[in-house]
C-alpha atoms as a PDB file:
ATOM      1  CA  MET A   1      27.363   3.343  -4.028  1.00  0.00           C
ATOM      2  CA  SER A   2      25.502   4.917  -7.943  1.00  0.00           C
ATOM      3  CA  THR A   3      22.918   8.049  -7.670  1.00  0.00           C
ATOM      4  CA  PRO A   4      19.607   6.504  -8.920  1.00  0.00           C
ATOM      5  CA  ASN A   5      18.513   7.377 -12.094  1.00  0.00           C
ATOM      6  CA  PRO A   6      16.502  10.413 -11.686  1.00  0.00           C
ATOM      7  CA  ASN A   7      14.689   9.767 -15.181  1.00  0.00           C
ATOM      8  CA  ARG A   8      12.496   6.855 -16.678  1.00  0.00           C
ATOM      9  CA  ILE A   9      12.540   4.984 -20.103  1.00  0.00           C
ATOM     10  CA  GLU A  10       8.703   5.425 -21.357  1.00  0.00           C
ATOM     11  CA  HIS A  11       8.086   3.375 -24.748  1.00  0.00           C
ATOM     12  CA  ASP A  12       5.128   4.196 -27.478  1.00  0.00           C
ATOM     13  CA  LEU A  13       4.966   3.404 -31.484  1.00  0.00           C
ATOM     14  CA  ILE A  14       7.605   5.565 -32.660  1.00  0.00           C
ATOM     15  CA  GLY A  15      10.306   4.596 -29.941  1.00  0.00           C
ATOM     16  CA  GLU A  16      11.762   5.277 -26.142  1.00  0.00           C
ATOM     17  CA  ARG A  17      12.328   8.679 -24.767  1.00  0.00           C
ATOM     18  CA  GLU A  18      13.373   9.608 -21.372  1.00  0.00           C
ATOM     19  CA  LEU A  19      10.982  10.803 -18.862  1.00  0.00           C
ATOM     20  CA  PRO A  20      11.780  12.891 -15.187  1.00  0.00           C
ATOM     21  CA  ASN A  21      10.045  10.089 -11.908  1.00  0.00           C
ATOM     22  CA  ASP A  22       8.455  13.010 -11.424  1.00  0.00           C
ATOM     23  CA  VAL A  23       5.862  13.351 -13.533  1.00  0.00           C
ATOM     24  CA  TYR A  24       2.394  11.484 -13.119  1.00  0.00           C
ATOM     25  CA  TYR A  25       2.267  12.024 -17.111  1.00  0.00           C
ATOM     26  CA  GLY A  26       3.632   9.598 -20.110  1.00  0.00           C
ATOM     27  CA  VAL A  27       5.433   9.676 -23.218  1.00  0.00           C
ATOM     28  CA  HIS A  28       1.752  10.739 -25.177  1.00  0.00           C
ATOM     29  CA  THR A  29       1.711  13.703 -23.417  1.00  0.00           C
ATOM     30  CA  LEU A  30       5.618  14.326 -23.711  1.00  0.00           C
ATOM     31  CA  ARG A  31       5.462  14.234 -27.664  1.00  0.00           C
ATOM     32  CA  ALA A  32       2.088  16.653 -27.426  1.00  0.00           C
ATOM     33  CA  LEU A  33       4.482  19.119 -25.613  1.00  0.00           C
ATOM     34  CA  GLU A  34       6.824  18.831 -28.659  1.00  0.00           C
ATOM     35  CA  ASN A  35       5.312  19.002 -30.722  1.00  0.00           C
ATOM     36  CA  PHE A  36       1.966  21.473 -30.404  1.00  0.00           C
ATOM     37  CA  PRO A  37       3.912  24.024 -27.974  1.00  0.00           C
ATOM     38  CA  ILE A  38       1.643  26.821 -29.728  1.00  0.00           C
ATOM     39  CA  THR A  39       0.488  29.514 -27.145  1.00  0.00           C
ATOM     40  CA  GLY A  40       2.418  28.415 -23.973  1.00  0.00           C
ATOM     41  CA  THR A  41      -0.282  27.888 -22.003  1.00  0.00           C
ATOM     42  CA  ALA A  42      -1.243  24.172 -20.160  1.00  0.00           C
ATOM     43  CA  ILE A  43      -4.361  23.164 -19.824  1.00  0.00           C
ATOM     44  CA  SER A  44      -3.968  23.472 -15.875  1.00  0.00           C
ATOM     45  CA  ILE A  45      -5.116  27.192 -15.943  1.00  0.00           C
ATOM     46  CA  TYR A  46      -8.734  25.760 -16.645  1.00  0.00           C
ATOM     47  CA  PRO A  47      -9.518  23.638 -13.147  1.00  0.00           C
ATOM     48  CA  ASP A  48     -13.289  22.981 -14.221  1.00  0.00           C
ATOM     49  CA  LEU A  49     -11.915  20.909 -17.321  1.00  0.00           C
ATOM     50  CA  VAL A  50      -9.323  19.299 -15.346  1.00  0.00           C
ATOM     51  CA  ARG A  51     -11.880  18.209 -13.052  1.00  0.00           C
ATOM     52  CA  ALA A  52     -14.636  17.389 -15.611  1.00  0.00           C
ATOM     53  CA  LEU A  53     -12.386  14.988 -17.183  1.00  0.00           C
ATOM     54  CA  ALA A  54     -11.776  13.324 -13.781  1.00  0.00           C
ATOM     55  CA  SER A  55     -15.357  12.993 -13.245  1.00  0.00           C
ATOM     56  CA  ILE A  56     -15.771  11.276 -16.622  1.00  0.00           C
ATOM     57  CA  LYS A  57     -12.838   8.632 -16.564  1.00  0.00           C
ATOM     58  CA  LYS A  58     -14.717   8.248 -12.791  1.00  0.00           C
ATOM     59  CA  ALA A  59     -17.914   7.236 -14.296  1.00  0.00           C
ATOM     60  CA  ALA A  60     -16.050   5.126 -17.193  1.00  0.00           C
ATOM     61  CA  ALA A  61     -14.047   3.012 -14.582  1.00  0.00           C
ATOM     62  CA  LEU A  62     -17.197   2.509 -12.572  1.00  0.00           C
ATOM     63  CA  ALA A  63     -19.298   1.208 -15.201  1.00  0.00           C
ATOM     64  CA  ASN A  64     -16.463  -0.650 -17.210  1.00  0.00           C
ATOM     65  CA  ARG A  65     -16.249  -2.314 -13.373  1.00  0.00           C
ATOM     66  CA  ASP A  66     -20.015  -3.107 -13.664  1.00  0.00           C
ATOM     67  CA  LEU A  67     -19.667  -4.246 -17.091  1.00  0.00           C
ATOM     68  CA  GLY A  68     -17.396  -6.884 -15.813  1.00  0.00           C
ATOM     69  CA  LEU A  69     -14.565  -4.952 -18.393  1.00  0.00           C
ATOM     70  CA  LEU A  70     -12.352  -3.637 -15.671  1.00  0.00           C
ATOM     71  CA  SER A  71     -11.215  -5.483 -12.263  1.00  0.00           C
ATOM     72  CA  GLU A  72     -12.620  -3.882  -9.209  1.00  0.00           C
ATOM     73  CA  ALA A  73      -8.404  -3.060  -7.864  1.00  0.00           C
ATOM     74  CA  HIS A  74      -8.542  -0.443 -10.572  1.00  0.00           C
ATOM     75  CA  CYS A  75     -11.659   0.802 -10.925  1.00  0.00           C
ATOM     76  CA  GLN A  76     -10.815   1.709  -7.323  1.00  0.00           C
ATOM     77  CA  ALA A  77      -6.939   2.563  -7.944  1.00  0.00           C
ATOM     78  CA  ILE A  78      -8.514   5.263 -10.832  1.00  0.00           C
ATOM     79  CA  GLY A  79     -11.248   5.937  -8.774  1.00  0.00           C
ATOM     80  CA  ALA A  80      -8.887   7.102  -6.348  1.00  0.00           C
ATOM     81  CA  ALA A  81      -6.358   8.726  -8.561  1.00  0.00           C
ATOM     82  CA  CYS A  82     -10.052  10.309 -10.409  1.00  0.00           C
ATOM     83  CA  ASP A  83     -10.463  11.665  -6.473  1.00  0.00           C
ATOM     84  CA  GLU A  84      -7.184  13.682  -5.989  1.00  0.00           C
ATOM     85  CA  LEU A  85      -8.202  15.536  -9.177  1.00  0.00           C
ATOM     86  CA  LEU A  86     -11.423  16.524  -8.026  1.00  0.00           C
ATOM     87  CA  ALA A  87     -10.264  17.806  -4.639  1.00  0.00           C
ATOM     88  CA  GLY A  88      -7.801  20.154  -6.807  1.00  0.00           C
ATOM     89  CA  ARG A  89      -4.219  17.678  -6.531  1.00  0.00           C
ATOM     90  CA  LEU A  90      -2.077  16.787  -9.204  1.00  0.00           C
ATOM     91  CA  HIS A  91      -3.522  19.538 -11.715  1.00  0.00           C
ATOM     92  CA  GLU A  92      -0.034  20.428 -12.560  1.00  0.00           C
ATOM     93  CA  GLN A  93       0.382  17.163 -14.423  1.00  0.00           C
ATOM     94  CA  PHE A  94      -1.674  18.250 -16.848  1.00  0.00           C
ATOM     95  CA  VAL A  95       0.615  20.144 -19.188  1.00  0.00           C
ATOM     96  CA  VAL A  96      -0.091  20.030 -22.748  1.00  0.00           C
ATOM     97  CA  ASP A  97      -0.923  23.214 -24.764  1.00  0.00           C
ATOM     98  CA  VAL A  98      -4.557  24.790 -24.520  1.00  0.00           C
ATOM     99  CA  ILE A  99      -4.387  24.606 -28.239  1.00  0.00           C
ATOM    100  CA  GLN A 100      -3.075  21.321 -29.967  1.00  0.00           C
ATOM    101  CA  GLY A 101      -3.752  19.221 -33.004  1.00  0.00           C
ATOM    102  CA  GLY A 102      -6.085  17.185 -33.478  1.00  0.00           C
ATOM    103  CA  ALA A 103      -9.874  16.645 -31.616  1.00  0.00           C
ATOM    104  CA  GLY A 104      -8.809  16.802 -28.091  1.00  0.00           C
ATOM    105  CA  THR A 105      -6.279  13.693 -28.200  1.00  0.00           C
ATOM    106  CA  SER A 106      -3.668  14.826 -25.658  1.00  0.00           C
ATOM    107  CA  THR A 107      -5.645  16.403 -23.338  1.00  0.00           C
ATOM    108  CA  ASN A 108      -7.177  13.012 -23.350  1.00  0.00           C
ATOM    109  CA  MET A 109      -4.069  11.289 -23.579  1.00  0.00           C
ATOM    110  CA  ASN A 110      -2.558  13.688 -20.714  1.00  0.00           C
ATOM    111  CA  ALA A 111      -5.307  12.595 -18.659  1.00  0.00           C
ATOM    112  CA  ASN A 112      -4.937   9.000 -19.325  1.00  0.00           C
ATOM    113  CA  GLU A 113      -1.785   8.840 -17.792  1.00  0.00           C
ATOM    114  CA  VAL A 114      -1.744  11.339 -14.906  1.00  0.00           C
ATOM    115  CA  ILE A 115      -4.964   9.153 -14.203  1.00  0.00           C
ATOM    116  CA  ALA A 116      -2.674   6.111 -14.781  1.00  0.00           C
ATOM    117  CA  GLY A 117      -0.127   7.436 -13.051  1.00  0.00           C
ATOM    118  CA  ALA A 118      -1.491   7.775  -9.776  1.00  0.00           C
ATOM    119  CA  ALA A 119      -3.658   4.342  -9.401  1.00  0.00           C
ATOM    120  CA  ASN A 120       0.029   3.051 -10.318  1.00  0.00           C
ATOM    121  CA  GLU A 121       1.658   4.839  -7.734  1.00  0.00           C
ATOM    122  CA  ALA A 122      -0.208   3.874  -5.063  1.00  0.00           C
ATOM    123  CA  LEU A 123      -0.992   0.059  -5.832  1.00  0.00           C
ATOM    124  CA  GLY A 124       3.164   0.487  -5.858  1.00  0.00           C
ATOM    125  CA  SER A 125       4.301   0.766  -8.592  1.00  0.00           C
ATOM    126  CA  GLY A 126       5.718   4.066  -9.154  1.00  0.00           C
ATOM    127  CA  ARG A 127       4.654   7.133 -11.380  1.00  0.00           C
ATOM    128  CA  GLY A 128       3.959   6.134 -15.081  1.00  0.00           C
ATOM    129  CA  GLY A 129       4.217   3.627 -17.099  1.00  0.00           C
ATOM    130  CA  LYS A 130       1.553   1.620 -18.455  1.00  0.00           C
ATOM    131  CA  SER A 131       1.194  -1.705 -15.888  1.00  0.00           C
ATOM    132  CA  PRO A 132      -0.518  -2.988 -13.757  1.00  0.00           C
ATOM    133  CA  VAL A 133      -2.931   0.140 -15.069  1.00  0.00           C
ATOM    134  CA  HIS A 134      -2.968   1.511 -18.464  1.00  0.00           C
ATOM    135  CA  PRO A 135      -3.888   5.030 -19.666  1.00  0.00           C
ATOM    136  CA  ASN A 136      -5.481   3.807 -22.646  1.00  0.00           C
ATOM    137  CA  ASP A 137      -6.525  -0.235 -21.866  1.00  0.00           C
ATOM    138  CA  ALA A 138      -7.995   1.055 -19.131  1.00  0.00           C
ATOM    139  CA  VAL A 139      -8.405   4.381 -17.999  1.00  0.00           C
ATOM    140  CA  ASN A 140      -9.151   4.682 -21.298  1.00  0.00           C
ATOM    141  CA  LEU A 141     -11.536   2.090 -21.769  1.00  0.00           C
ATOM    142  CA  GLY A 142     -14.603   1.557 -23.418  1.00  0.00           C
END
């Protein structure tokens, strides 16, 4: 009997990468960790920032549902994932450096991937991945 793989494979435009099965973030966050190891301090040390991101993503999901751009099921799953963050859970999944290149893209993608990962897990698809709730096409919609 084989042992289950403790890792999963995710793909982006650059290629595929292996991530631990127990993380909610995805390949974009992993690449940010590799590309911007500036201070070694993760954004998770700012719980108010994590909660603010969750509030914004939840409000966006509700607005996108009301506009007919996001299904009720996806909206509910994203909202539940955001509620987890608002309650102080999963903050350890916000791993990108507090200082990074760009305009906060790594922070935004970390949030999108964690929320999508938690939403997908709630919908029975497991952590990570891009289906049924996609980090960009659903969580970052609009």
